[in-house]
Every structure is written in C-alpha cells, then in structure tokens.
C-alpha cells in the first residue's frame, strides 16, 4: 500500500509539473518557450512510468539523449549501437526496434517531438539494460522449480549512473562478468557462422556404427565429425582408430560413456542439428544473466544435467565428483537455487521428509506395522514410539501425527555424511549406500537431494581450509559412530544450476541432455519475447 501511494505521488507530481510548464510557456520568450515545451513533453511522457518520471523530476527535465551537445550525441550513438547488436547476446532486438528509433529521431523537429523521443529512448535503455544484466525472462514464471532469485537493479539508478558515466563503457559493463558468459558468446558466434555454411552437414543414415566398419554412412559420419571439429581432415573411408578417438572425444563432450562406439545414444547426439545446440547456448547465456552476481571465491557448483558437483577456487576447479540428482517426476526433480553451506553432519540421522513418510511408508505400515523396520517412529516430542502402540490404519496422510527417523549407520539413506545449506526446499548434498547408481550414464534417481559419489573426499577438500589433517579429523569423528555436527569456519556458497551447454576454460563446448525439459520451456519463452536464431556470414 505504501509503495502504491509513493508511485501515485510521483505520477501526480509529473502531471503537475507538465501543467505548470504549460502555463509558463504562455508567458515565456520564444527560446524559453521551446525549452519549456520540451520539458512539458518529457513530463507528460514520463508520467506513464514512475521510475522514468522520478529520474527526470530529479534531473529537472533536462535531456540526456536528444540535446545538441556532444554528451547527448555520445549517449545516443552508444545506445543505438548496443540495441542494433543486441542479437550478439541472444537478446530480442524487436523489443528495442533500433531502426524505428533511428527514424523517429530523424523526424523529431519540434520540442514536443524531441521530448517524446527523449522518454522513449530512456524506456528502451532501461529495457535493454535489464535484459542484458539480469535476463529477458523471470525464471519462476517459466518453471516453478527454477527458484533462483534474480539480482534486479534499481531502474532509476540505471539512468542516474548512465548519465554520469562513459556511455559505451557503461553499456559494455552490463553483461555478466563471469568468464563463462564470454565463452558462451564466442561459441554462439562460431555456431552462427557454421549455420550460415549449412550447419554440420548431412545426418548420418545409420542407427549405429562401430570400429572396423566402412561404407557411405561411415564417410558421412567422418565428414560430420570433421565439421564439428573432433576429427582432422582425411579421406579415410573406414571407422579406424582416428575416428574412434574422435567419437570418444565427442562422447565426453556430451556426457556419454566414452567407449568410442557410435551406438544409438551417441548417434542421436551426433545427428542432433546445430540449431538445437545453438538454442542450448542461448539458453545458457540467459541463465548466466540470471546469476549476474559474485559466486564466491570458493563455491560449490552442482550442474544437474552433468550429474556432477564441483568445488571451485578462484574460478579454477579444485575438486570434482559424480552426483545423483532428483528423479524426473513432479515431486522429485531437484530445484535450481543458490544458498550457503554452513556445516556438515558426520554419522547423520535421516529424518524422513513428510512427503515420503505419508506417500510411501505409511501405506506400507498400514499393511504391516513392522514394515520399513529400520526406521524409528517418533512422536511430536521427539520420543521413539513402539510400533505396537500405534494403529497405523486409523490415520490418513493428513492426520498421521508421527515422523520417521533412521539412526546413524552405514545403511543410512544419507550414508555417513551430509552437507547442509539450510533452505526451504530441504535440499542438501549427502553420501549414499547405493553406490551402484554412479556408474550409470543418466543419474536421476533421488527424491530431490544431491547424492555424492566421493563424499569423504569432498569433506576433506572442504575441511582442508580449517585443519592441517582434514582426513584424520573426519575419520576420528566417523569412528565414534555418534552424530556430529562440524561447522565450516568459512561458509561456502552453493549454486545448484542446470546447464545443457557450457564451455571449459580451454574453450571446449560441452552439451548435456535437457533431462527435465526446462531449457525447452526457456527457449520457447525467449522466442515469444522476440529472440531469434540467426546465421551469420563471415
């Protein structure tokens, strides 16, 4: 309510100023009348947008775009150049309509015309600035499981700071500063040039191929791998050692088992069109814009599509392990968000989430009170309750008054250690007794939490910052068998992300499958916003 009142006050002030300026124009000299007419037009046009109105009110309705001075000209030129080339960033050029803006600028003769264009340029500037710095889309509107908090900047501050800065440098500084963004942008341009040349060539007319084979399909696959950059130019017509090595490199870049055999899964990825990969890169750039803030000198990067968890120190990978993520079901998919890891628990108890308790275990206990006997029944006061005293059949999922707990053990669902960054999604990283899942190519099996393949080594890497003997410290706690909380002296940011396209520091572009279908939703929304795939000559 208070915000609504303040917005209304700003708009009324703008309208009041416009009326006051109109009265002044009747008694002003011709030169003054022109200035007054311009300011009046600015006040009237700005009244439709509270932030633009607030800026021009503080600025005394002076121009920052349409004046005849050098500073205004530099700002005009910088903005027009930026929005004309907005497609380089995968932004919707149609939102800014640079050609129409140029035409309107040329046609603006009267002070009133210039006032209207002045405000329109500020509107377009604000739209471009927000799109480039924090994204075209609102993540949660695309998918409710993308719960990332986008670091939106104050719109008035954009105009204020821009008017006091070097226009070109200010606009350039809006793009995400993370090295990954620049790498993605470079990959995008290279792919757009390749698309102009016809993409990656003919699709391989075979469901699978293996070393030693020859024939037309092998030649087509050879040509396609060469165009993609995985195989040097040759006239070989047999699936030889060089081609097997190229297939292995390709498989690694797609997160596939690198056996060098072009089986059905590998062939599907080889034949995936360049447009699909270009879409993935453009979506990754939008996702980078959503995260345009410092990630932390040390941070944990969990890429759901890559089934990996990585510790990064000063933008360098210092530890990596495989992960298992949430199953692709509506109530199990792992959400995307950032938080801060504060502590780990060695020999953890598993407090079964309410949803699992009522949906999975209560029906079993209603049939057999001794089902899932490894779990303790706990009352509201935290006391263990004998199952013989509970009539499970008398409760529903809503009325069941107990919770379930699994004490520390090697068979505990959380394994022997869990890593906590308290959040409303009840998501954390943890060990697991189900080690067999880590050998699989696609690892989406959990209820949403992230299981780690090498949790002990992950713990050692974290503890190395606060003890000279991280392994000894950890193992001493572990051997007691008792639950032990260990705080991190320096909490570590955790980013759970979803990247189907990413580029290594060496420039190798990697792609992963859109396991939850989120990127397809994002690209569809980008297209609706005006983003277009393009082919670039040269």
Protein backbone atom coordinates (compact mmCIF):
# COMPACT_ATOMS: atom_id res chain seq x y z
CA UNK A 1 0.00 0.00 0.00
CA UNK A 2 2.82 2.39 0.92
CA UNK A 3 4.59 1.62 -2.39
CA UNK A 4 1.37 2.28 -4.32
CA UNK A 5 0.98 5.66 -2.58
CA UNK A 6 4.58 6.67 -3.40
CA UNK A 7 4.14 5.66 -7.04
CA UNK A 8 0.90 7.68 -7.26
CA UNK A 9 2.64 10.72 -5.73
CA UNK A 10 5.42 10.54 -8.32
CA UNK A 11 2.95 10.33 -11.21
CA UNK A 12 0.84 13.21 -9.86
CA UNK A 13 3.98 15.30 -9.46
CA UNK A 14 4.94 14.62 -13.07
CA UNK A 15 1.48 15.62 -14.29
CA UNK A 16 1.51 18.71 -12.07
CA UNK A 17 4.89 19.75 -13.48
CA UNK A 18 3.56 19.25 -17.02
CA UNK A 19 0.59 21.53 -16.32
CA UNK A 20 2.81 24.13 -14.64
CA UNK A 21 5.18 24.14 -17.59
CA UNK A 22 2.23 24.54 -19.94
CA UNK A 23 1.19 27.72 -18.10
CA UNK A 24 4.75 29.06 -18.14
CA UNK A 25 5.00 28.54 -21.90
CA UNK A 26 2.27 31.15 -22.47
CA UNK A 27 4.37 33.96 -20.96
CA UNK A 28 7.92 32.80 -21.87
CA UNK A 29 10.19 34.19 -24.62
CA UNK A 30 10.41 32.09 -27.84
CA UNK A 31 13.67 30.47 -26.72
CA UNK A 32 12.36 29.82 -23.24
CA UNK A 33 9.11 28.56 -24.71
CA UNK A 34 10.98 25.90 -26.67
CA UNK A 35 12.79 24.71 -23.54
CA UNK A 36 9.55 24.76 -21.60
CA UNK A 37 7.69 22.84 -24.33
CA UNK A 38 10.42 20.18 -24.30
CA UNK A 39 10.28 19.80 -20.53
CA UNK A 40 6.50 19.69 -20.62
CA UNK A 41 6.59 16.90 -23.23
CA UNK A 42 9.12 14.97 -21.14
CA UNK A 43 6.98 15.34 -18.01
CA UNK A 44 3.85 14.17 -19.83
CA UNK A 45 5.51 11.16 -21.48
CA UNK A 46 7.42 10.20 -18.32
CA UNK A 47 4.25 10.23 -16.22
CA UNK A 48 3.43 6.75 -17.60
CA UNK A 49 6.50 5.23 -15.88
CA UNK A 50 7.17 6.02 -12.22
CA UNK A 51 10.93 5.34 -12.44
CA UNK A 52 11.47 7.43 -15.56
CA UNK A 53 9.28 10.16 -14.03
CA UNK A 54 11.35 10.10 -10.82
CA UNK A 55 14.61 10.37 -12.77
CA UNK A 56 13.52 13.34 -14.90
CA UNK A 57 11.96 15.06 -11.91
CA UNK A 58 15.33 14.86 -10.11
CA UNK A 59 17.08 15.84 -13.35
CA UNK A 60 14.86 18.94 -13.75
CA UNK A 61 13.61 17.54 -17.06
CA UNK A 62 16.89 18.06 -18.88
CA UNK A 63 17.75 15.88 -21.85
CA UNK A 64 20.31 13.08 -21.70
CA UNK A 65 19.65 11.79 -25.24
CA UNK A 66 18.22 14.39 -27.58
CA UNK A 67 20.26 17.51 -26.85
CA UNK A 68 22.66 19.00 -29.40
CA UNK A 69 25.69 18.68 -27.16
CA UNK A 70 28.46 16.10 -27.54
CA UNK A 71 27.49 14.14 -24.40
CA UNK A 72 23.93 13.58 -25.62
CA UNK A 73 25.22 12.53 -29.04
CA UNK A 74 27.61 10.01 -27.45
CA UNK A 75 24.78 8.53 -25.41
CA UNK A 76 22.52 8.29 -28.47
CA UNK A 77 25.20 6.64 -30.55
CA UNK A 78 26.17 4.19 -27.79
CA UNK A 79 22.57 3.08 -27.20
CA UNK A 80 21.72 2.76 -30.88
CA UNK A 81 24.86 0.71 -31.47
CA UNK A 82 24.12 -1.51 -28.46
CA UNK A 83 20.50 -2.31 -29.37
CA UNK A 84 21.39 -2.79 -33.04
CA UNK A 85 23.85 -5.51 -31.99
CA UNK A 86 21.70 -6.94 -29.19
CA UNK A 87 21.35 -10.24 -31.10
CA UNK A 88 25.03 -10.92 -30.35
CA UNK A 89 23.89 -11.52 -26.77
CA UNK A 90 20.85 -13.53 -27.84
CA UNK A 91 18.53 -10.66 -26.87
CA UNK A 92 15.21 -9.79 -28.58
CA UNK A 93 16.14 -6.93 -30.92
CA UNK A 94 12.47 -6.37 -31.73
CA UNK A 95 11.96 -5.15 -28.16
CA UNK A 96 14.20 -2.18 -28.84
CA UNK A 97 13.33 -1.67 -32.55
CA UNK A 98 16.52 0.29 -33.38
CA UNK A 99 15.53 1.10 -36.98
CA UNK A 100 12.27 2.68 -35.91
CA UNK A 101 14.07 4.57 -33.15
CA UNK A 102 16.55 5.98 -35.66
CA UNK A 103 13.69 7.08 -37.92
CA UNK A 104 11.81 8.76 -35.07
CA UNK A 105 14.98 10.60 -34.03
CA UNK A 106 15.41 11.99 -37.55
CA UNK A 107 11.80 13.09 -37.73
CA UNK A 108 11.76 14.82 -34.32
CA UNK A 109 11.73 18.51 -35.20
CA UNK A 110 9.67 20.28 -32.57
CA UNK A 111 10.50 20.49 -28.86
CA UNK A 112 7.45 18.34 -28.11
CA UNK A 113 8.60 15.67 -30.55
CA UNK A 114 12.07 15.66 -29.00
CA UNK A 115 10.56 15.38 -25.52
CA UNK A 116 8.58 12.31 -26.51
CA UNK A 117 11.63 10.70 -28.13
CA UNK A 118 13.73 11.57 -25.07
CA UNK A 119 11.47 9.49 -22.83
CA UNK A 120 11.20 6.68 -25.39
CA UNK A 121 14.98 6.38 -25.51
CA UNK A 122 15.09 6.16 -21.72
CA UNK A 123 12.44 3.43 -21.82
CA UNK A 124 14.36 1.43 -24.42
CA UNK A 125 17.61 1.95 -22.50
CA UNK A 126 16.04 0.59 -19.30
CA UNK A 127 14.62 -2.41 -21.13
CA UNK A 128 17.96 -3.22 -22.76
CA UNK A 129 19.92 -2.67 -19.54
CA UNK A 130 17.73 -5.03 -17.53
CA UNK A 131 17.60 -7.65 -20.31
CA UNK A 132 21.38 -7.73 -20.66
CA UNK A 133 22.29 -7.51 -17.00
CA UNK A 134 19.69 -9.75 -15.35
CA UNK A 135 17.85 -11.54 -18.16
CA UNK A 136 14.94 -11.26 -20.55
CA UNK A 137 12.72 -13.65 -18.57
CA UNK A 138 11.59 -14.14 -14.97
CA UNK A 139 12.75 -17.70 -14.09
CA UNK A 140 9.89 -18.69 -11.76
CA UNK A 141 7.33 -17.75 -14.43
CA UNK A 142 8.90 -20.27 -16.80
CA UNK A 143 9.18 -23.16 -14.35
CA UNK A 144 8.24 -23.18 -10.67
CA UNK A 145 11.27 -25.38 -9.91
CA UNK A 146 13.65 -22.61 -11.02
CA UNK A 147 13.60 -20.73 -7.75
CA UNK A 148 16.61 -18.55 -8.44
CA UNK A 149 16.49 -15.01 -7.05
CA UNK A 150 17.49 -12.72 -9.89
CA UNK A 151 19.59 -9.72 -8.75
CA UNK A 152 17.43 -6.98 -10.32
CA UNK A 153 18.92 -3.47 -10.17
CA UNK A 154 17.03 -0.28 -9.37
CA UNK A 155 15.80 1.27 -12.64
CA UNK A 156 16.31 4.87 -11.53
CA UNK A 157 19.93 4.09 -10.66
CA UNK A 158 20.47 2.83 -14.22
CA UNK A 159 19.53 6.23 -15.65
CA UNK A 160 21.32 8.20 -12.94
CA UNK A 161 24.59 6.29 -13.22
CA UNK A 162 24.48 6.14 -17.01
CA UNK A 163 24.03 9.92 -17.28
CA UNK A 164 27.24 10.37 -15.24
CA UNK A 165 29.33 7.67 -16.96
CA UNK A 166 31.10 6.91 -20.21
CA UNK A 167 28.13 5.69 -22.30
CA UNK A 168 29.97 2.99 -24.22
CA UNK A 169 31.75 1.59 -21.16
CA UNK A 170 28.58 1.62 -19.08
CA UNK A 171 26.66 -0.39 -21.66
CA UNK A 172 29.52 -2.84 -22.12
CA UNK A 173 29.74 -3.39 -18.36
CA UNK A 174 26.10 -4.53 -18.15
CA UNK A 175 26.83 -8.03 -19.48
CA UNK A 176 27.67 -10.75 -16.93
CA UNK A 177 31.31 -10.63 -15.88
CA UNK A 178 31.65 -14.39 -15.28
CA UNK A 179 34.19 -15.83 -17.77
CA UNK A 180 31.62 -18.42 -18.81
CA UNK A 181 29.39 -15.75 -20.38
CA UNK A 182 32.13 -14.52 -22.71
CA UNK A 183 33.00 -18.13 -23.64
CA UNK A 184 29.35 -18.90 -24.43
CA UNK A 185 29.04 -15.75 -26.52
CA UNK A 186 32.11 -16.74 -28.54
CA UNK A 187 30.73 -20.25 -29.05
CA UNK A 188 27.41 -18.77 -30.17
CA UNK A 189 29.05 -16.61 -32.84
CA UNK A 190 31.10 -19.55 -34.17
CA UNK A 191 27.98 -21.71 -34.39
CA UNK A 192 26.05 -18.95 -36.14
CA UNK A 193 28.80 -18.74 -38.74
CA UNK A 194 28.72 -22.51 -39.15
CA UNK A 195 24.94 -22.39 -39.52
CA UNK A 196 25.39 -19.93 -42.40
CA UNK A 197 27.61 -22.53 -44.08
CA UNK A 198 24.95 -25.19 -43.84
CA UNK A 199 25.44 -26.46 -40.30
CA UNK A 200 27.33 -29.69 -39.67
CA UNK A 201 26.34 -31.35 -42.90
CA UNK A 202 24.31 -34.40 -43.75
CA UNK A 203 22.92 -36.55 -40.96
CA UNK A 204 24.45 -39.99 -40.61
CA UNK A 205 21.99 -42.51 -42.18
CA UNK A 206 22.62 -45.24 -39.61
CA UNK A 207 21.24 -46.14 -36.17
CA UNK A 208 24.72 -47.16 -35.00
CA UNK A 209 28.25 -47.72 -36.27
CA UNK A 210 31.26 -49.45 -34.73
CA UNK A 211 35.04 -49.56 -35.32
CA UNK A 212 36.09 -51.55 -38.39
CA UNK A 213 33.02 -50.73 -40.43
CA UNK A 214 33.19 -48.92 -43.76
CA UNK A 215 30.78 -47.57 -46.32
CA UNK A 216 28.76 -44.45 -47.08
CA UNK A 217 27.44 -43.94 -43.55
CA UNK A 218 30.99 -44.06 -42.14
CA UNK A 219 32.12 -41.43 -44.66
CA UNK A 220 29.19 -39.17 -43.74
CA UNK A 221 29.96 -39.55 -40.02
CA UNK A 222 33.64 -38.80 -40.76
CA UNK A 223 32.63 -35.58 -42.55
CA UNK A 224 30.26 -34.56 -39.78
CA UNK A 225 32.86 -35.12 -37.05
CA UNK A 226 35.37 -33.11 -39.09
CA UNK A 227 32.97 -30.20 -39.44
CA UNK A 228 32.25 -30.33 -35.71
CA UNK A 229 35.98 -30.12 -35.01
CA UNK A 230 36.53 -33.56 -33.48
CA UNK A 231 38.42 -35.11 -36.40
CA UNK A 232 41.18 -33.79 -38.62
CA UNK A 233 40.67 -33.74 -42.38
CA UNK A 234 41.28 -37.12 -44.01
CA UNK A 235 40.00 -39.27 -46.84
CA UNK A 236 39.66 -42.41 -44.69
CA UNK A 237 36.56 -44.45 -45.50
CA UNK A 238 36.84 -46.88 -42.60
CA UNK A 239 35.88 -46.47 -38.96
CA UNK A 240 39.56 -46.51 -37.96
CA UNK A 241 41.47 -45.62 -34.80
CA UNK A 242 41.42 -41.90 -35.55
CA UNK A 243 37.65 -41.94 -35.94
CA UNK A 244 37.23 -44.00 -32.78
CA UNK A 245 39.27 -41.42 -30.87
CA UNK A 246 37.14 -38.63 -32.38
CA UNK A 247 33.97 -40.42 -31.30
CA UNK A 248 35.37 -40.74 -27.78
CA UNK A 249 36.10 -37.00 -27.65
CA UNK A 250 32.60 -36.31 -28.90
CA UNK A 251 31.10 -38.63 -26.29
CA UNK A 252 32.98 -36.93 -23.47
CA UNK A 253 31.73 -33.55 -24.67
CA UNK A 254 28.15 -34.88 -24.43
CA UNK A 255 28.49 -36.66 -21.09
CA UNK A 256 28.25 -40.10 -22.73
CA UNK A 257 30.17 -43.26 -21.95
CA UNK A 258 33.42 -42.74 -23.98
CA UNK A 259 33.71 -46.24 -25.46
CA UNK A 260 34.41 -45.00 -29.00
CA UNK A 261 31.40 -46.88 -30.39
CA UNK A 262 28.70 -44.84 -32.12
CA UNK A 263 25.76 -46.68 -30.57
CA UNK A 264 22.14 -45.46 -30.77
CA UNK A 265 22.57 -42.87 -27.98
CA UNK A 266 25.77 -41.47 -29.45
CA UNK A 267 24.33 -41.45 -32.96
CA UNK A 268 21.31 -39.49 -31.76
CA UNK A 269 23.64 -36.84 -30.37
CA UNK A 270 25.87 -36.81 -33.47
CA UNK A 271 22.79 -36.21 -35.63
CA UNK A 272 21.33 -33.52 -33.40
CA UNK A 273 21.11 -30.38 -35.56
CA UNK A 274 23.31 -27.37 -34.96
CA UNK A 275 20.18 -25.28 -34.31
CA UNK A 276 19.42 -27.37 -31.20
CA UNK A 277 22.92 -26.77 -29.87
CA UNK A 278 22.68 -23.07 -30.65
CA UNK A 279 19.44 -22.90 -28.68
CA UNK A 280 21.18 -24.55 -25.72
CA UNK A 281 23.97 -21.96 -25.81
CA UNK A 282 21.48 -19.08 -25.96
CA UNK A 283 19.52 -20.50 -23.02
CA UNK A 284 22.79 -20.89 -21.08
CA UNK A 285 23.54 -17.21 -21.72
CA UNK A 286 20.12 -16.25 -20.35
CA UNK A 287 20.76 -18.42 -17.30
CA UNK A 288 24.11 -16.66 -16.80
CA UNK A 289 22.28 -13.32 -16.82
CA UNK A 290 20.01 -14.59 -14.04
CA UNK A 291 23.14 -15.23 -11.96
CA UNK A 292 24.95 -11.97 -12.67
CA UNK A 293 26.45 -11.52 -9.21
CA UNK A 294 29.64 -12.74 -7.48
CA UNK A 295 29.61 -16.51 -6.99
CA UNK A 296 32.21 -16.56 -4.23
CA UNK A 297 35.98 -17.01 -4.44
CA UNK A 298 35.33 -20.54 -3.22
CA UNK A 299 31.99 -22.02 -4.19
CA UNK A 300 30.30 -25.31 -4.96
CA UNK A 301 28.86 -25.73 -8.46
CA UNK A 302 26.30 -28.51 -8.88
CA UNK A 303 25.30 -28.91 -12.53
CA UNK A 304 22.18 -31.08 -12.56
CA UNK A 305 22.39 -32.00 -16.26
CA UNK A 306 26.05 -33.02 -15.90
CA UNK A 307 25.37 -35.10 -12.76
CA UNK A 308 28.40 -33.51 -11.08
CA UNK A 309 29.38 -31.47 -8.04
CA UNK A 310 32.50 -29.32 -8.24
CA UNK A 311 34.44 -27.17 -5.78
CA UNK A 312 35.73 -24.01 -7.44
CA UNK A 313 38.53 -21.86 -6.03
CA UNK A 314 39.19 -18.53 -7.76
CA UNK A 315 37.42 -19.75 -10.94
CA UNK A 316 39.51 -22.95 -11.02
CA UNK A 317 38.17 -26.43 -10.45
CA UNK A 318 39.87 -27.99 -7.42
CA UNK A 319 37.61 -30.99 -6.81
CA UNK A 320 35.00 -32.89 -8.83
CA UNK A 321 32.75 -35.84 -8.09
CA UNK A 322 29.81 -37.54 -9.76
CA UNK A 323 26.32 -36.98 -8.42
CA UNK A 324 22.84 -38.49 -8.47
CA UNK A 325 20.00 -35.96 -8.74
CA UNK A 326 16.22 -35.94 -8.39
CA UNK A 327 14.16 -38.29 -10.50
CA UNK A 328 12.24 -36.70 -13.37
CA UNK A 329 8.91 -36.69 -11.55
CA UNK A 330 6.88 -33.68 -10.45
CA UNK A 331 7.62 -34.14 -6.74
CA UNK A 332 11.23 -35.30 -7.09
CA UNK A 333 13.02 -33.04 -9.55
CA UNK A 334 15.90 -31.11 -7.97
CA UNK A 335 15.19 -27.36 -7.90
CA UNK A 336 17.64 -24.67 -9.02
CA UNK A 337 18.75 -22.13 -6.44
CA UNK A 338 21.75 -20.73 -4.59
CA UNK A 339 22.44 -20.81 -0.87
CA UNK A 340 25.36 -21.05 1.56
CA UNK A 341 26.78 -24.29 3.03
CA UNK A 342 27.26 -23.78 6.76
CA UNK A 343 28.10 -27.20 8.20
CA UNK A 344 28.37 -30.94 7.64
CA UNK A 345 26.97 -33.74 9.77
CA UNK A 346 29.07 -36.88 10.20
CA UNK A 347 27.13 -40.06 11.05
CA UNK A 348 23.83 -38.32 10.31
CA UNK A 349 20.37 -39.46 11.25
CA UNK A 350 17.84 -39.40 8.44
CA UNK A 351 14.70 -37.53 9.33
CA UNK A 352 12.35 -38.81 6.65
CA UNK A 353 10.61 -35.95 4.78
CA UNK A 354 6.89 -35.73 5.46
CA UNK A 355 6.01 -36.38 1.83
CA UNK A 356 7.97 -39.64 1.78
CA UNK A 357 6.60 -40.67 5.17
CA UNK A 358 2.95 -40.27 4.17
CA UNK A 359 3.09 -41.21 0.49
CA UNK A 360 5.50 -44.14 0.59
CA UNK A 361 5.94 -45.55 4.10
CA UNK A 362 2.57 -45.04 5.82
CA UNK A 363 0.72 -47.28 3.28
CA UNK A 364 3.33 -50.00 3.90
CA UNK A 365 2.97 -49.76 7.69
CA UNK A 366 -0.82 -49.83 7.38
CA UNK A 367 -0.49 -53.25 5.74
CA UNK A 368 2.28 -54.42 8.09
CA UNK A 369 3.18 -52.43 11.20
CA UNK A 370 6.72 -53.85 11.06
CA UNK A 371 7.40 -52.71 7.50
CA UNK A 372 10.47 -50.48 6.99
CA UNK A 373 11.69 -51.68 10.38
CA UNK A 374 14.97 -49.77 10.02
CA UNK A 375 13.01 -46.58 10.71
CA UNK A 376 12.01 -45.38 14.17
CA UNK A 377 8.54 -43.91 14.80
CA UNK A 378 8.92 -40.53 16.54
CA UNK A 379 6.19 -38.55 18.32
CA UNK A 380 5.76 -34.76 18.40
CA UNK A 381 8.06 -34.51 21.45
CA UNK A 382 10.92 -36.34 19.68
CA UNK A 383 10.44 -39.61 21.58
CA UNK A 384 10.71 -43.04 19.98
CA UNK A 385 7.36 -44.84 20.00
CA UNK A 386 6.76 -48.58 19.96
CA UNK A 387 5.00 -49.65 16.76
CA UNK A 388 2.78 -51.99 18.75
CA UNK A 389 1.15 -48.96 20.37
CA UNK A 390 0.21 -47.33 17.05
CA UNK A 391 -2.85 -48.19 14.94
CA UNK A 392 -1.47 -47.05 11.59
CA UNK A 393 -4.72 -47.90 9.79
CA UNK A 394 -6.57 -45.22 11.74
CA UNK A 395 -4.58 -42.38 10.19
CA UNK A 396 -4.56 -40.71 6.81
CA UNK A 397 -1.70 -38.86 5.16
CA UNK A 398 -3.05 -35.61 6.66
CA UNK A 399 -3.72 -36.86 10.19
CA UNK A 400 -0.66 -39.09 10.76
CA UNK A 401 0.89 -37.46 13.88
CA UNK A 402 4.28 -39.16 13.81
CA UNK A 403 7.53 -38.73 11.93
CA UNK A 404 10.11 -41.34 10.93
CA UNK A 405 13.81 -41.38 11.67
CA UNK A 406 16.70 -43.62 10.67
CA UNK A 407 19.57 -43.57 13.20
CA UNK A 408 23.22 -43.27 12.06
CA UNK A 409 24.56 -46.38 10.34
CA UNK A 410 26.37 -47.47 7.20
CA UNK A 411 22.99 -48.40 5.74
CA UNK A 412 21.52 -44.97 6.48
CA UNK A 413 19.82 -43.40 3.43
CA UNK A 414 22.15 -40.40 3.82
CA UNK A 415 25.22 -42.57 4.12
CA UNK A 416 27.84 -41.38 6.59
CA UNK A 417 27.92 -37.64 5.94
CA UNK A 418 25.62 -34.87 4.76
CA UNK A 419 26.45 -31.30 3.78
CA UNK A 420 23.96 -28.67 4.87
CA UNK A 421 22.96 -25.32 3.41
CA UNK A 422 19.61 -24.83 5.22
CA UNK A 423 16.89 -23.93 2.74
CA UNK A 424 13.11 -24.09 2.43
CA UNK A 425 13.38 -26.79 -0.25
CA UNK A 426 15.01 -29.24 2.19
CA UNK A 427 17.73 -29.96 -0.37
CA UNK A 428 21.31 -30.87 0.61
CA UNK A 429 24.30 -32.92 -0.55
CA UNK A 430 24.95 -36.30 1.02
CA UNK A 431 26.56 -39.73 0.91
CA UNK A 432 24.53 -42.81 -0.07
CA UNK A 433 24.82 -46.57 0.39
CA UNK A 434 23.52 -47.03 -3.20
CA UNK A 435 26.94 -46.75 -4.90
CA UNK A 436 25.90 -48.73 -8.00
CA UNK A 437 23.97 -45.78 -9.47
CA UNK A 438 27.12 -43.70 -10.01
CA UNK A 439 28.27 -45.94 -12.87
CA UNK A 440 25.18 -45.10 -14.92
CA UNK A 441 25.21 -42.51 -17.67
CA UNK A 442 21.96 -40.82 -16.61
CA UNK A 443 21.77 -40.48 -12.83
CA UNK A 444 18.34 -39.09 -11.91
CA UNK A 445 17.02 -41.30 -9.11
CA UNK A 446 16.79 -39.38 -5.83
CA UNK A 447 13.88 -37.63 -4.13
CA UNK A 448 15.50 -34.28 -4.94
CA UNK A 449 18.66 -34.13 -2.82
CA UNK A 450 22.10 -34.48 -4.39
CA UNK A 451 23.97 -37.72 -3.68
CA UNK A 452 27.76 -37.63 -3.99
CA UNK A 453 30.00 -40.40 -5.32
CA UNK A 454 33.05 -39.37 -3.25
CA UNK A 455 31.57 -37.66 -0.18
CA UNK A 456 34.58 -38.31 2.09
CA UNK A 457 37.00 -36.66 -0.35
CA UNK A 458 34.51 -33.84 -0.77
CA UNK A 459 34.53 -33.39 3.02
CA UNK A 460 38.34 -33.46 3.14
CA UNK A 461 38.51 -30.73 0.48
CA UNK A 462 36.14 -28.53 2.49
CA UNK A 463 37.88 -29.17 5.82
CA UNK A 464 41.34 -28.53 4.37
CA UNK A 465 40.66 -24.81 4.85
CA UNK A 466 40.37 -25.19 8.62
CA UNK A 467 42.57 -28.11 9.70
CA UNK A 468 46.00 -29.43 8.79
CA UNK A 469 44.77 -33.02 8.85
CA UNK A 470 41.28 -33.00 7.30
CA UNK A 471 41.17 -36.75 6.72
CA UNK A 472 42.31 -37.58 10.27
CA UNK A 473 39.84 -35.11 11.74
CA UNK A 474 36.96 -36.52 9.71
CA UNK A 475 37.78 -40.17 10.36
CA UNK A 476 38.09 -39.60 14.10
CA UNK A 477 34.53 -38.22 14.17
CA UNK A 478 33.33 -41.03 11.93
CA UNK A 479 34.74 -43.81 14.09
CA UNK A 480 32.72 -42.73 17.12
CA UNK A 481 29.52 -43.70 15.31
CA UNK A 482 27.83 -40.76 17.02
CA UNK A 483 26.13 -37.96 15.12
CA UNK A 484 28.48 -34.95 14.97
CA UNK A 485 27.95 -31.50 13.52
CA UNK A 486 31.04 -29.78 12.11
CA UNK A 487 30.68 -26.10 11.26
CA UNK A 488 32.59 -24.62 8.36
CA UNK A 489 34.71 -21.73 9.59
CA UNK A 490 34.11 -20.04 6.23
CA UNK A 491 30.64 -20.86 4.85
CA UNK A 492 30.72 -21.78 1.15
CA UNK A 493 28.17 -20.59 -1.46
CA UNK A 494 26.37 -23.45 -3.22
CA UNK A 495 24.91 -22.98 -6.69
CA UNK A 496 22.59 -25.70 -7.98
CA UNK A 497 22.40 -24.97 -11.69
CA UNK A 498 21.07 -26.52 -14.88
CA UNK A 499 23.41 -26.09 -17.86
CA UNK A 500 22.83 -28.09 -21.03
CA UNK A 501 25.59 -26.07 -22.67
CA UNK A 502 28.83 -24.89 -21.08
CA UNK A 503 32.36 -24.09 -22.21
CA UNK A 504 35.53 -25.17 -20.44
CA UNK A 505 38.35 -22.75 -19.71
CA UNK A 506 40.19 -24.27 -22.69
CA UNK A 507 37.29 -23.38 -24.98
CA UNK A 508 35.76 -26.84 -25.39
CA UNK A 509 32.00 -26.61 -25.80
CA UNK A 510 30.05 -29.28 -23.90
CA UNK A 511 26.39 -30.21 -24.22
CA UNK A 512 24.12 -32.22 -21.96
CA UNK A 513 20.60 -33.57 -22.33
CA UNK A 514 17.64 -31.47 -21.19
CA UNK A 515 16.63 -34.11 -18.65
CA UNK A 516 13.82 -32.11 -17.03
CA UNK A 517 12.73 -30.26 -20.19
CA UNK A 518 13.42 -26.89 -18.56
CA UNK A 519 15.60 -25.48 -21.33
CA UNK A 520 12.92 -26.22 -23.92
CA UNK A 521 10.50 -24.10 -21.88
CA UNK A 522 13.03 -21.29 -21.55
CA UNK A 523 13.84 -21.17 -25.25
CA UNK A 524 10.14 -21.18 -26.14
CA UNK A 525 9.64 -18.20 -23.81
CA UNK A 526 12.66 -16.41 -25.32
CA UNK A 527 11.18 -16.85 -28.81
CA UNK A 528 7.86 -15.40 -27.60
CA UNK A 529 9.85 -12.43 -26.25
CA UNK A 530 11.35 -11.89 -29.71
CA UNK A 531 14.65 -13.81 -29.59
CA UNK A 532 15.61 -15.40 -32.92
CA UNK A 533 18.12 -17.93 -34.14
CA UNK A 534 20.32 -16.44 -36.82
CA UNK A 535 23.01 -17.40 -39.30
CA UNK A 536 25.95 -15.01 -39.61
CA UNK A 537 28.08 -14.73 -42.75
CA UNK A 538 31.80 -14.19 -42.43
